[in-house]
């Protein structure tokens, strides 16, 4: 199963969907429009674990909500970030593709290649 956390308004996200559709063999693909179906804090924690790396890698720090919510302040905890993403899904980096218990952020789309090696 391949899961794509997708925003159809994002060209990189659409490109990732196209790439996965062309690269998959017989695997089913689940596309989750995370703006319509926001992830829970627990789902975000699981996704972060699959991504590895700093939590901020999966946060869109350039979105106005990031500063408006004070997430750029010193001392913001991971739990505060998880809660903010769950409440404001626009903050989730996109696209994120999951396959076989591993996840990557598809910006640039070349990042997705590691999932199909």
PDB file of N, CA and C in Angstrom:
ATOM      1  N   UNK A   1       0.851  -1.182   0.000  1.00  0.00           N
ATOM      2  CA  UNK A   1       0.000   0.000   0.000  1.00  0.00           C
ATOM      3  C   UNK A   1       0.891   1.239   0.000  1.00  0.00           C
ATOM      4  N   UNK A   2       0.583   2.150  -0.869  1.00  0.00           N
ATOM      5  CA  UNK A   2       1.250   3.444  -0.921  1.00  0.00           C
ATOM      6  C   UNK A   2       0.224   4.489  -0.502  1.00  0.00           C
ATOM      7  N   UNK A   3       0.614   5.351   0.419  1.00  0.00           N
ATOM      8  CA  UNK A   3      -0.270   6.420   0.875  1.00  0.00           C
ATOM      9  C   UNK A   3       0.373   7.750   0.538  1.00  0.00           C
ATOM     10  N   UNK A   4      -0.424   8.635  -0.042  1.00  0.00           N
ATOM     11  CA  UNK A   4       0.051   9.976  -0.383  1.00  0.00           C
ATOM     12  C   UNK A   4      -0.798  10.986   0.373  1.00  0.00           C
ATOM     13  N   UNK A   5      -0.142  11.799   1.184  1.00  0.00           N
ATOM     14  CA  UNK A   5      -0.813  12.918   1.852  1.00  0.00           C
ATOM     15  C   UNK A   5      -0.692  14.082   0.884  1.00  0.00           C
ATOM     16  N   UNK A   6      -1.826  14.487   0.347  1.00  0.00           N
ATOM     17  CA  UNK A   6      -1.880  15.267  -0.877  1.00  0.00           C
ATOM     18  C   UNK A   6      -2.711  16.529  -0.720  1.00  0.00           C
ATOM     19  N   UNK A   7      -2.233  17.577  -1.378  1.00  0.00           N
ATOM     20  CA  UNK A   7      -2.999  18.817  -1.536  1.00  0.00           C
ATOM     21  C   UNK A   7      -3.123  19.050  -3.042  1.00  0.00           C
ATOM     22  N   UNK A   8      -4.309  18.881  -3.603  1.00  0.00           N
ATOM     23  CA  UNK A   8      -4.466  18.974  -5.054  1.00  0.00           C
ATOM     24  C   UNK A   8      -4.134  20.350  -5.637  1.00  0.00           C
ATOM     25  N   UNK A   9      -4.064  21.378  -4.796  1.00  0.00           N
ATOM     26  CA  UNK A   9      -3.729  22.717  -5.292  1.00  0.00           C
ATOM     27  C   UNK A   9      -2.222  22.915  -5.436  1.00  0.00           C
ATOM     28  N   UNK A  10      -1.445  21.967  -4.945  1.00  0.00           N
ATOM     29  CA  UNK A  10       0.016  22.075  -4.958  1.00  0.00           C
ATOM     30  C   UNK A  10       0.594  21.319  -6.157  1.00  0.00           C
ATOM     31  N   UNK A  11       1.372  21.998  -6.963  1.00  0.00           N
ATOM     32  CA  UNK A  11       1.941  21.362  -8.157  1.00  0.00           C
ATOM     33  C   UNK A  11       2.906  20.236  -7.787  1.00  0.00           C
ATOM     34  N   UNK A  12       3.672  20.384  -6.715  1.00  0.00           N
ATOM     35  CA  UNK A  12       4.599  19.327  -6.285  1.00  0.00           C
ATOM     36  C   UNK A  12       3.814  18.101  -5.820  1.00  0.00           C
ATOM     37  N   UNK A  13       2.706  18.337  -5.175  1.00  0.00           N
ATOM     38  CA  UNK A  13       1.877  17.243  -4.703  1.00  0.00           C
ATOM     39  C   UNK A  13       1.246  16.505  -5.888  1.00  0.00           C
ATOM     40  N   UNK A  14       0.777  17.245  -6.872  1.00  0.00           N
ATOM     41  CA  UNK A  14       0.215  16.613  -8.073  1.00  0.00           C
ATOM     42  C   UNK A  14       1.294  15.826  -8.807  1.00  0.00           C
ATOM     43  N   UNK A  15       2.496  16.370  -8.871  1.00  0.00           N
ATOM     44  CA  UNK A  15       3.605  15.677  -9.535  1.00  0.00           C
ATOM     45  C   UNK A  15       3.940  14.382  -8.811  1.00  0.00           C
ATOM     46  N   UNK A  16       3.900  14.405  -7.483  1.00  0.00           N
ATOM     47  CA  UNK A  16       4.170  13.191  -6.711  1.00  0.00           C
ATOM     48  C   UNK A  16       3.112  12.133  -6.994  1.00  0.00           C
ATOM     49  N   UNK A  17       1.859  12.539  -7.072  1.00  0.00           N
ATOM     50  CA  UNK A  17       0.784  11.586  -7.392  1.00  0.00           C
ATOM     51  C   UNK A  17       1.017  10.956  -8.762  1.00  0.00           C
ATOM     52  N   UNK A  18       1.399  11.771  -9.733  1.00  0.00           N
ATOM     53  CA  UNK A  18       1.672  11.251 -11.078  1.00  0.00           C
ATOM     54  C   UNK A  18       2.840  10.281 -11.055  1.00  0.00           C
ATOM     55  N   UNK A  19       3.906  10.648 -10.358  1.00  0.00           N
ATOM     56  CA  UNK A  19       5.091   9.803 -10.290  1.00  0.00           C
ATOM     57  C   UNK A  19       4.769   8.466  -9.636  1.00  0.00           C
ATOM     58  N   UNK A  20       4.041   8.493  -8.542  1.00  0.00           N
ATOM     59  CA  UNK A  20       3.678   7.253  -7.847  1.00  0.00           C
ATOM     60  C   UNK A  20       2.772   6.405  -8.729  1.00  0.00           C
ATOM     61  N   UNK A  21       1.839   7.025  -9.415  1.00  0.00           N
ATOM     62  CA  UNK A  21       0.950   6.269 -10.302  1.00  0.00           C
ATOM     63  C   UNK A  21       1.725   5.561 -11.400  1.00  0.00           C
ATOM     64  N   UNK A  22       2.766   6.202 -11.891  1.00  0.00           N
ATOM     65  CA  UNK A  22       3.578   5.607 -12.949  1.00  0.00           C
ATOM     66  C   UNK A  22       4.573   4.583 -12.408  1.00  0.00           C
ATOM     67  N   UNK A  23       5.024   4.742 -11.150  1.00  0.00           N
ATOM     68  CA  UNK A  23       6.053   3.874 -10.587  1.00  0.00           C
ATOM     69  C   UNK A  23       5.493   2.621  -9.934  1.00  0.00           C
ATOM     70  N   UNK A  24       4.269   2.668  -9.487  1.00  0.00           N
ATOM     71  CA  UNK A  24       3.733   1.519  -8.753  1.00  0.00           C
ATOM     72  C   UNK A  24       3.550   0.329  -9.684  1.00  0.00           C
ATOM     73  N   UNK A  25       3.729  -0.815  -9.134  1.00  0.00           N
ATOM     74  CA  UNK A  25       3.512  -2.027  -9.905  1.00  0.00           C
ATOM     75  C   UNK A  25       2.052  -2.426  -9.725  1.00  0.00           C
ATOM     76  N   UNK A  26       1.789  -3.240  -8.750  1.00  0.00           N
ATOM     77  CA  UNK A  26       0.408  -3.677  -8.513  1.00  0.00           C
ATOM     78  C   UNK A  26      -0.081  -3.199  -7.161  1.00  0.00           C
ATOM     79  N   UNK A  27       0.662  -2.309  -6.551  1.00  0.00           N
ATOM     80  CA  UNK A  27       0.284  -1.832  -5.222  1.00  0.00           C
ATOM     81  C   UNK A  27      -0.875  -0.849  -5.293  1.00  0.00           C
ATOM     82  N   UNK A  28      -1.800  -0.979  -4.362  1.00  0.00           N
ATOM     83  CA  UNK A  28      -2.860   0.023  -4.292  1.00  0.00           C
ATOM     84  C   UNK A  28      -2.301   1.346  -3.761  1.00  0.00           C
ATOM     85  N   UNK A  29      -2.913   2.425  -4.183  1.00  0.00           N
ATOM     86  CA  UNK A  29      -2.507   3.761  -3.748  1.00  0.00           C
ATOM     87  C   UNK A  29      -3.694   4.423  -3.069  1.00  0.00           C
ATOM     88  N   UNK A  30      -3.446   4.930  -1.873  1.00  0.00           N
ATOM     89  CA  UNK A  30      -4.460   5.685  -1.149  1.00  0.00           C
ATOM     90  C   UNK A  30      -4.020   7.142  -1.144  1.00  0.00           C
ATOM     91  N   UNK A  31      -4.874   8.017  -1.642  1.00  0.00           N
ATOM     92  CA  UNK A  31      -4.590   9.444  -1.651  1.00  0.00           C
ATOM     93  C   UNK A  31      -5.452  10.097  -0.586  1.00  0.00           C
ATOM     94  N   UNK A  32      -4.781  10.751   0.355  1.00  0.00           N
ATOM     95  CA  UNK A  32      -5.495  11.413   1.452  1.00  0.00           C
ATOM     96  C   UNK A  32      -5.327  12.912   1.292  1.00  0.00           C
ATOM     97  N   UNK A  33      -6.424  13.580   1.044  1.00  0.00           N
ATOM     98  CA  UNK A  33      -6.399  15.043   0.986  1.00  0.00           C
ATOM     99  C   UNK A  33      -6.456  15.533   2.428  1.00  0.00           C
ATOM    100  N   UNK A  34      -5.285  15.773   2.991  1.00  0.00           N
ATOM    101  CA  UNK A  34      -5.172  16.049   4.426  1.00  0.00           C
ATOM    102  C   UNK A  34      -5.829  17.360   4.847  1.00  0.00           C
ATOM    103  N   UNK A  35      -6.114  18.255   3.904  1.00  0.00           N
ATOM    104  CA  UNK A  35      -6.843  19.468   4.276  1.00  0.00           C
ATOM    105  C   UNK A  35      -8.314  19.150   4.542  1.00  0.00           C
ATOM    106  N   UNK A  36      -8.834  18.113   3.871  1.00  0.00           N
ATOM    107  CA  UNK A  36     -10.216  17.679   4.081  1.00  0.00           C
ATOM    108  C   UNK A  36     -10.313  16.644   5.196  1.00  0.00           C
ATOM    109  N   UNK A  37      -9.256  15.855   5.360  1.00  0.00           N
ATOM    110  CA  UNK A  37      -9.206  14.801   6.373  1.00  0.00           C
ATOM    111  C   UNK A  37      -7.947  15.016   7.217  1.00  0.00           C
ATOM    112  N   UNK A  38      -7.973  15.989   8.123  1.00  0.00           N
ATOM    113  CA  UNK A  38      -6.766  16.271   8.922  1.00  0.00           C
ATOM    114  C   UNK A  38      -6.322  15.057   9.732  1.00  0.00           C
ATOM    115  N   UNK A  39      -5.023  14.940   9.896  1.00  0.00           N
ATOM    116  CA  UNK A  39      -4.466  13.853  10.684  1.00  0.00           C
ATOM    117  C   UNK A  39      -4.589  14.175  12.169  1.00  0.00           C
ATOM    118  N   UNK A  40      -4.738  13.138  12.966  1.00  0.00           N
ATOM    119  CA  UNK A  40      -4.759  13.308  14.418  1.00  0.00           C
ATOM    120  C   UNK A  40      -3.328  13.457  14.913  1.00  0.00           C
ATOM    121  N   UNK A  41      -3.197  13.860  16.149  1.00  0.00           N
ATOM    122  CA  UNK A  41      -1.870  13.970  16.756  1.00  0.00           C
ATOM    123  C   UNK A  41      -1.163  12.616  16.700  1.00  0.00           C
ATOM    124  N   UNK A  42      -1.861  11.546  17.003  1.00  0.00           N
ATOM    125  CA  UNK A  42      -1.247  10.214  16.974  1.00  0.00           C
ATOM    126  C   UNK A  42      -0.805   9.842  15.563  1.00  0.00           C
ATOM    127  N   UNK A  43      -1.614  10.142  14.563  1.00  0.00           N
ATOM    128  CA  UNK A  43      -1.225   9.859  13.182  1.00  0.00           C
ATOM    129  C   UNK A  43       0.000  10.682  12.787  1.00  0.00           C
ATOM    130  N   UNK A  44       0.032  11.926  13.216  1.00  0.00           N
ATOM    131  CA  UNK A  44       1.184  12.784  12.916  1.00  0.00           C
ATOM    132  C   UNK A  44       2.452  12.244  13.570  1.00  0.00           C
ATOM    133  N   UNK A  45       2.338  11.752  14.791  1.00  0.00           N
ATOM    134  CA  UNK A  45       3.500  11.166  15.468  1.00  0.00           C
ATOM    135  C   UNK A  45       4.005   9.942  14.719  1.00  0.00           C
ATOM    136  N   UNK A  46       3.092   9.120  14.254  1.00  0.00           N
ATOM    137  CA  UNK A  46       3.479   7.943  13.481  1.00  0.00           C
ATOM    138  C   UNK A  46       4.138   8.317  12.166  1.00  0.00           C
ATOM    139  N   UNK A  47       3.597   9.312  11.514  1.00  0.00           N
ATOM    140  CA  UNK A  47       4.165   9.786  10.253  1.00  0.00           C
ATOM    141  C   UNK A  47       5.562  10.358  10.485  1.00  0.00           C
ATOM    142  N   UNK A  48       5.713  11.121  11.553  1.00  0.00           N
ATOM    143  CA  UNK A  48       7.023  11.680  11.886  1.00  0.00           C
ATOM    144  C   UNK A  48       8.039  10.583  12.150  1.00  0.00           C
ATOM    145  N   UNK A  49       7.623   9.537  12.845  1.00  0.00           N
ATOM    146  CA  UNK A  49       8.526   8.415  13.124  1.00  0.00           C
ATOM    147  C   UNK A  49       8.996   7.760  11.825  1.00  0.00           C
ATOM    148  N   UNK A  50       8.096   7.640  10.851  1.00  0.00           N
ATOM    149  CA  UNK A  50       8.481   7.047   9.566  1.00  0.00           C
ATOM    150  C   UNK A  50       9.403   7.963   8.769  1.00  0.00           C
ATOM    151  N   UNK A  51       9.197   9.262   8.907  1.00  0.00           N
ATOM    152  CA  UNK A  51      10.042  10.219   8.199  1.00  0.00           C
ATOM    153  C   UNK A  51      11.436  10.287   8.805  1.00  0.00           C
ATOM    154  N   UNK A  52      11.497  10.202  10.146  1.00  0.00           N
ATOM    155  CA  UNK A  52      12.765  10.432  10.815  1.00  0.00           C
ATOM    156  C   UNK A  52      13.099  11.910  10.709  1.00  0.00           C
ATOM    157  N   UNK A  53      14.187  12.313  11.255  1.00  0.00           N
ATOM    158  CA  UNK A  53      14.594  13.706  11.172  1.00  0.00           C
ATOM    159  C   UNK A  53      13.803  14.601  12.099  1.00  0.00           C
ATOM    160  N   UNK A  54      14.151  15.884  12.079  1.00  0.00           N
ATOM    161  CA  UNK A  54      13.482  16.846  12.967  1.00  0.00           C
ATOM    162  C   UNK A  54      12.009  17.025  12.602  1.00  0.00           C
ATOM    163  N   UNK A  55      11.199  17.249  13.609  1.00  0.00           N
ATOM    164  CA  UNK A  55       9.773  17.466  13.391  1.00  0.00           C
ATOM    165  C   UNK A  55       9.535  18.667  12.474  1.00  0.00           C
ATOM    166  N   UNK A  56      10.351  19.697  12.597  1.00  0.00           N
ATOM    167  CA  UNK A  56      10.151  20.893  11.775  1.00  0.00           C
ATOM    168  C   UNK A  56      10.253  20.604  10.279  1.00  0.00           C
ATOM    169  N   UNK A  57      10.895  19.488   9.904  1.00  0.00           N
ATOM    170  CA  UNK A  57      10.964  19.135   8.480  1.00  0.00           C
ATOM    171  C   UNK A  57       9.580  18.888   7.891  1.00  0.00           C
ATOM    172  N   UNK A  58       8.641  18.478   8.717  1.00  0.00           N
ATOM    173  CA  UNK A  58       7.301  18.198   8.194  1.00  0.00           C
ATOM    174  C   UNK A  58       6.329  19.360   8.424  1.00  0.00           C
ATOM    175  N   UNK A  59       6.875  20.513   8.805  1.00  0.00           N
ATOM    176  CA  UNK A  59       6.057  21.700   9.057  1.00  0.00           C
ATOM    177  C   UNK A  59       6.345  22.757   7.996  1.00  0.00           C
ATOM    178  N   UNK A  60       5.289  23.332   7.475  1.00  0.00           N
ATOM    179  CA  UNK A  60       5.424  24.429   6.510  1.00  0.00           C
ATOM    180  C   UNK A  60       5.568  25.732   7.301  1.00  0.00           C
ATOM    181  N   UNK A  61       6.810  26.076   7.592  1.00  0.00           N
ATOM    182  CA  UNK A  61       7.093  27.232   8.435  1.00  0.00           C
ATOM    183  C   UNK A  61       6.816  28.556   7.725  1.00  0.00           C
ATOM    184  N   UNK A  62       6.635  28.526   6.420  1.00  0.00           N
ATOM    185  CA  UNK A  62       6.341  29.749   5.670  1.00  0.00           C
ATOM    186  C   UNK A  62       4.873  30.131   5.653  1.00  0.00           C
ATOM    187  N   UNK A  63       4.017  29.251   6.149  1.00  0.00           N
ATOM    188  CA  UNK A  63       2.580  29.567   6.195  1.00  0.00           C
ATOM    189  C   UNK A  63       2.327  30.620   7.271  1.00  0.00           C
ATOM    190  N   UNK A  64       1.394  31.523   7.018  1.00  0.00           N
ATOM    191  CA  UNK A  64       1.103  32.593   7.974  1.00  0.00           C
ATOM    192  C   UNK A  64       0.674  32.040   9.331  1.00  0.00           C
ATOM    193  N   UNK A  65      -0.006  30.902   9.336  1.00  0.00           N
ATOM    194  CA  UNK A  65      -0.461  30.301  10.592  1.00  0.00           C
ATOM    195  C   UNK A  65       0.710  29.955  11.509  1.00  0.00           C
ATOM    196  N   UNK A  66       1.846  29.626  10.931  1.00  0.00           N
ATOM    197  CA  UNK A  66       3.002  29.251  11.731  1.00  0.00           C
ATOM    198  C   UNK A  66       3.393  30.394  12.667  1.00  0.00           C
ATOM    199  N   UNK A  67       3.506  31.588  12.132  1.00  0.00           N
ATOM    200  CA  UNK A  67       3.863  32.751  12.962  1.00  0.00           C
ATOM    201  C   UNK A  67       2.676  33.205  13.802  1.00  0.00           C
ATOM    202  N   UNK A  68       1.482  33.197  13.219  1.00  0.00           N
ATOM    203  CA  UNK A  68       0.295  33.651  13.948  1.00  0.00           C
ATOM    204  C   UNK A  68       0.046  32.838  15.211  1.00  0.00           C
ATOM    205  N   UNK A  69       0.377  31.554  15.166  1.00  0.00           N
ATOM    206  CA  UNK A  69       0.179  30.680  16.319  1.00  0.00           C
ATOM    207  C   UNK A  69       1.369  30.728  17.286  1.00  0.00           C
ATOM    208  N   UNK A  70       2.361  31.522  16.949  1.00  0.00           N
ATOM    209  CA  UNK A  70       3.520  31.647  17.819  1.00  0.00           C
ATOM    210  C   UNK A  70       4.443  30.446  17.787  1.00  0.00           C
ATOM    211  N   UNK A  71       4.364  29.662  16.717  1.00  0.00           N
ATOM    212  CA  UNK A  71       5.179  28.456  16.635  1.00  0.00           C
ATOM    213  C   UNK A  71       6.646  28.758  16.345  1.00  0.00           C
ATOM    214  N   UNK A  72       6.922  29.999  15.985  1.00  0.00           N
ATOM    215  CA  UNK A  72       8.302  30.407  15.737  1.00  0.00           C
ATOM    216  C   UNK A  72       8.990  30.901  17.015  1.00  0.00           C
ATOM    217  N   UNK A  73       8.281  30.883  18.132  1.00  0.00           N
ATOM    218  CA  UNK A  73       8.835  31.342  19.405  1.00  0.00           C
ATOM    219  C   UNK A  73       9.779  30.283  19.983  1.00  0.00           C
ATOM    220  N   UNK A  74      10.795  30.733  20.705  1.00  0.00           N
ATOM    221  CA  UNK A  74      11.683  29.760  21.356  1.00  0.00           C
ATOM    222  C   UNK A  74      10.908  28.908  22.361  1.00  0.00           C
ATOM    223  N   UNK A  75      11.305  27.656  22.466  1.00  0.00           N
ATOM    224  CA  UNK A  75      10.709  26.784  23.470  1.00  0.00           C
ATOM    225  C   UNK A  75       9.437  26.075  23.065  1.00  0.00           C
ATOM    226  N   UNK A  76       9.006  26.214  21.806  1.00  0.00           N
ATOM    227  CA  UNK A  76       7.807  25.493  21.356  1.00  0.00           C
ATOM    228  C   UNK A  76       8.123  24.000  21.377  1.00  0.00           C
ATOM    229  N   UNK A  77       7.248  23.238  21.983  1.00  0.00           N
ATOM    230  CA  UNK A  77       7.476  21.797  22.127  1.00  0.00           C
ATOM    231  C   UNK A  77       6.951  21.025  20.907  1.00  0.00           C
ATOM    232  N   UNK A  78       7.423  19.796  20.788  1.00  0.00           N
ATOM    233  CA  UNK A  78       6.916  18.929  19.728  1.00  0.00           C
ATOM    234  C   UNK A  78       5.412  18.734  19.866  1.00  0.00           C
ATOM    235  N   UNK A  79       4.941  18.570  21.096  1.00  0.00           N
ATOM    236  CA  UNK A  79       3.500  18.378  21.298  1.00  0.00           C
ATOM    237  C   UNK A  79       2.705  19.590  20.818  1.00  0.00           C
ATOM    238  N   UNK A  80       3.228  20.788  21.040  1.00  0.00           N
ATOM    239  CA  UNK A  80       2.554  21.992  20.542  1.00  0.00           C
ATOM    240  C   UNK A  80       2.528  21.991  19.013  1.00  0.00           C
ATOM    241  N   UNK A  81       3.612  21.556  18.392  1.00  0.00           N
ATOM    242  CA  UNK A  81       3.641  21.481  16.930  1.00  0.00           C
ATOM    243  C   UNK A  81       2.651  20.447  16.412  1.00  0.00           C
ATOM    244  N   UNK A  82       2.610  19.278  17.024  1.00  0.00           N
ATOM    245  CA  UNK A  82       1.648  18.251  16.612  1.00  0.00           C
ATOM    246  C   UNK A  82       0.221  18.772  16.726  1.00  0.00           C
ATOM    247  N   UNK A  83      -0.090  19.407  17.837  1.00  0.00           N
ATOM    248  CA  UNK A  83      -1.436  19.950  18.044  1.00  0.00           C
ATOM    249  C   UNK A  83      -1.761  21.011  16.995  1.00  0.00           C
ATOM    250  N   UNK A  84      -0.780  21.853  16.683  1.00  0.00           N
ATOM    251  CA  UNK A  84      -1.000  22.914  15.694  1.00  0.00           C
ATOM    252  C   UNK A  84      -1.266  22.331  14.318  1.00  0.00           C
ATOM    253  N   UNK A  85      -0.497  21.310  13.931  1.00  0.00           N
ATOM    254  CA  UNK A  85      -0.709  20.690  12.613  1.00  0.00           C
ATOM    255  C   UNK A  85      -2.068  20.000  12.569  1.00  0.00           C
ATOM    256  N   UNK A  86      -2.429  19.328  13.643  1.00  0.00           N
ATOM    257  CA  UNK A  86      -3.728  18.648  13.681  1.00  0.00           C
ATOM    258  C   UNK A  86      -4.872  19.658  13.563  1.00  0.00           C
ATOM    259  N   UNK A  87      -4.715  20.816  14.179  1.00  0.00           N
ATOM    260  CA  UNK A  87      -5.767  21.847  14.147  1.00  0.00           C
ATOM    261  C   UNK A  87      -5.710  22.710  12.898  1.00  0.00           C
ATOM    262  N   UNK A  88      -4.527  22.831  12.315  1.00  0.00           N
ATOM    263  CA  UNK A  88      -4.309  23.675  11.128  1.00  0.00           C
ATOM    264  C   UNK A  88      -3.521  22.858  10.104  1.00  0.00           C
ATOM    265  N   UNK A  89      -4.190  21.951   9.403  1.00  0.00           N
ATOM    266  CA  UNK A  89      -3.483  21.022   8.520  1.00  0.00           C
ATOM    267  C   UNK A  89      -2.701  21.694   7.393  1.00  0.00           C
ATOM    268  N   UNK A  90      -2.959  22.953   7.118  1.00  0.00           N
ATOM    269  CA  UNK A  90      -2.179  23.672   6.105  1.00  0.00           C
ATOM    270  C   UNK A  90      -0.703  23.697   6.492  1.00  0.00           C
ATOM    271  N   UNK A  91      -0.410  23.483   7.768  1.00  0.00           N
ATOM    272  CA  UNK A  91       0.968  23.497   8.258  1.00  0.00           C
ATOM    273  C   UNK A  91       1.751  22.226   7.911  1.00  0.00           C
ATOM    274  N   UNK A  92       1.060  21.177   7.460  1.00  0.00           N
ATOM    275  CA  UNK A  92       1.737  19.926   7.122  1.00  0.00           C
ATOM    276  C   UNK A  92       2.459  20.070   5.786  1.00  0.00           C
ATOM    277  N   UNK A  93       3.722  19.704   5.791  1.00  0.00           N
ATOM    278  CA  UNK A  93       4.504  19.718   4.549  1.00  0.00           C
ATOM    279  C   UNK A  93       3.853  18.778   3.546  1.00  0.00           C
ATOM    280  N   UNK A  94       4.017  19.077   2.287  1.00  0.00           N
ATOM    281  CA  UNK A  94       3.389  18.267   1.249  1.00  0.00           C
ATOM    282  C   UNK A  94       4.293  18.129   0.046  1.00  0.00           C
ATOM    283  N   UNK A  95       4.098  17.080  -0.667  1.00  0.00           N
ATOM    284  CA  UNK A  95       3.366  15.862  -0.340  1.00  0.00           C
ATOM    285  C   UNK A  95       4.230  14.956   0.531  1.00  0.00           C
ATOM    286  N   UNK A  96       3.590  14.114   1.284  1.00  0.00           N
ATOM    287  CA  UNK A  96       4.305  13.072   2.029  1.00  0.00           C
ATOM    288  C   UNK A  96       3.800  11.742   1.487  1.00  0.00           C
ATOM    289  N   UNK A  97       4.749  10.877   1.129  1.00  0.00           N
ATOM    290  CA  UNK A  97       4.413   9.579   0.559  1.00  0.00           C
ATOM    291  C   UNK A  97       4.957   8.500   1.487  1.00  0.00           C
ATOM    292  N   UNK A  98       4.102   7.507   1.772  1.00  0.00           N
ATOM    293  CA  UNK A  98       4.453   6.407   2.663  1.00  0.00           C
ATOM    294  C   UNK A  98       4.371   5.100   1.884  1.00  0.00           C
ATOM    295  N   UNK A  99       5.416   4.292   2.067  1.00  0.00           N
ATOM    296  CA  UNK A  99       5.432   2.958   1.451  1.00  0.00           C
ATOM    297  C   UNK A  99       6.277   2.033   2.317  1.00  0.00           C
ATOM    298  N   UNK A 100       5.753   0.884   2.626  1.00  0.00           N
ATOM    299  CA  UNK A 100       6.479  -0.136   3.387  1.00  0.00           C
ATOM    300  C   UNK A 100       7.070   0.397   4.691  1.00  0.00           C
ATOM    301  N   UNK A 101       6.304   1.184   5.414  1.00  0.00           N
ATOM    302  CA  UNK A 101       6.745   1.680   6.707  1.00  0.00           C
ATOM    303  C   UNK A 101       7.765   2.801   6.658  1.00  0.00           C
ATOM    304  N   UNK A 102       8.031   3.316   5.469  1.00  0.00           N
ATOM    305  CA  UNK A 102       8.950   4.436   5.299  1.00  0.00           C
ATOM    306  C   UNK A 102       8.196   5.592   4.665  1.00  0.00           C
ATOM    307  N   UNK A 103       8.606   6.806   4.988  1.00  0.00           N
ATOM    308  CA  UNK A 103       7.954   7.987   4.432  1.00  0.00           C
ATOM    309  C   UNK A 103       9.004   8.983   3.981  1.00  0.00           C
ATOM    310  N   UNK A 104       8.649   9.745   2.957  1.00  0.00           N
ATOM    311  CA  UNK A 104       9.498  10.839   2.486  1.00  0.00           C
ATOM    312  C   UNK A 104       8.612  12.018   2.116  1.00  0.00           C
ATOM    313  N   UNK A 105       9.215  13.184   2.216  1.00  0.00           N
ATOM    314  CA  UNK A 105       8.555  14.395   1.735  1.00  0.00           C
ATOM    315  C   UNK A 105       8.949  14.544   0.279  1.00  0.00           C
ATOM    316  N   UNK A 106       7.969  14.648  -0.576  1.00  0.00           N
ATOM    317  CA  UNK A 106       8.196  14.666  -2.015  1.00  0.00           C
ATOM    318  C   UNK A 106       8.532  16.035  -2.586  1.00  0.00           C
ATOM    319  N   UNK A 107       9.307  16.799  -1.890  1.00  0.00           N
ATOM    320  CA  UNK A 107       9.791  18.095  -2.361  1.00  0.00           C
ATOM    321  C   UNK A 107      11.296  18.078  -2.263  1.00  0.00           C
ATOM    322  N   UNK A 108      11.967  17.925  -3.352  1.00  0.00           N
ATOM    323  CA  UNK A 108      11.508  17.724  -4.722  1.00  0.00           C
ATOM    324  C   UNK A 108      11.028  16.280  -4.936  1.00  0.00           C
ATOM    325  N   UNK A 109      10.359  16.062  -6.036  1.00  0.00           N
ATOM    326  CA  UNK A 109       9.789  14.738  -6.302  1.00  0.00           C
ATOM    327  C   UNK A 109      10.872  13.668  -6.418  1.00  0.00           C
ATOM    328  N   UNK A 110      12.103  14.056  -6.702  1.00  0.00           N
ATOM    329  CA  UNK A 110      13.188  13.091  -6.781  1.00  0.00           C
ATOM    330  C   UNK A 110      13.388  12.355  -5.460  1.00  0.00           C
ATOM    331  N   UNK A 111      12.961  12.966  -4.353  1.00  0.00           N
ATOM    332  CA  UNK A 111      13.062  12.328  -3.040  1.00  0.00           C
ATOM    333  C   UNK A 111      12.303  11.011  -2.986  1.00  0.00           C
ATOM    334  N   UNK A 112      11.282  10.862  -3.813  1.00  0.00           N
ATOM    335  CA  UNK A 112      10.436   9.674  -3.762  1.00  0.00           C
ATOM    336  C   UNK A 112      11.153   8.425  -4.244  1.00  0.00           C
ATOM    337  N   UNK A 113      12.225   8.582  -4.976  1.00  0.00           N
ATOM    338  CA  UNK A 113      12.937   7.437  -5.552  1.00  0.00           C
ATOM    339  C   UNK A 113      13.368   6.433  -4.483  1.00  0.00           C
ATOM    340  N   UNK A 114      13.731   6.900  -3.284  1.00  0.00           N
ATOM    341  CA  UNK A 114      14.202   5.986  -2.248  1.00  0.00           C
ATOM    342  C   UNK A 114      13.117   4.985  -1.832  1.00  0.00           C
ATOM    343  N   UNK A 115      11.858   5.329  -2.027  1.00  0.00           N
ATOM    344  CA  UNK A 115      10.776   4.415  -1.669  1.00  0.00           C
ATOM    345  C   UNK A 115      10.620   3.272  -2.667  1.00  0.00           C
ATOM    346  N   UNK A 116      11.205   3.419  -3.839  1.00  0.00           N
ATOM    347  CA  UNK A 116      11.009   2.429  -4.909  1.00  0.00           C
ATOM    348  C   UNK A 116      12.299   1.715  -5.279  1.00  0.00           C
ATOM    349  N   UNK A 117      13.324   1.827  -4.438  1.00  0.00           N
ATOM    350  CA  UNK A 117      14.589   1.138  -4.699  1.00  0.00           C
ATOM    351  C   UNK A 117      14.489  -0.306  -4.300  1.00  0.00           C
TER     352      UNK A 117
END
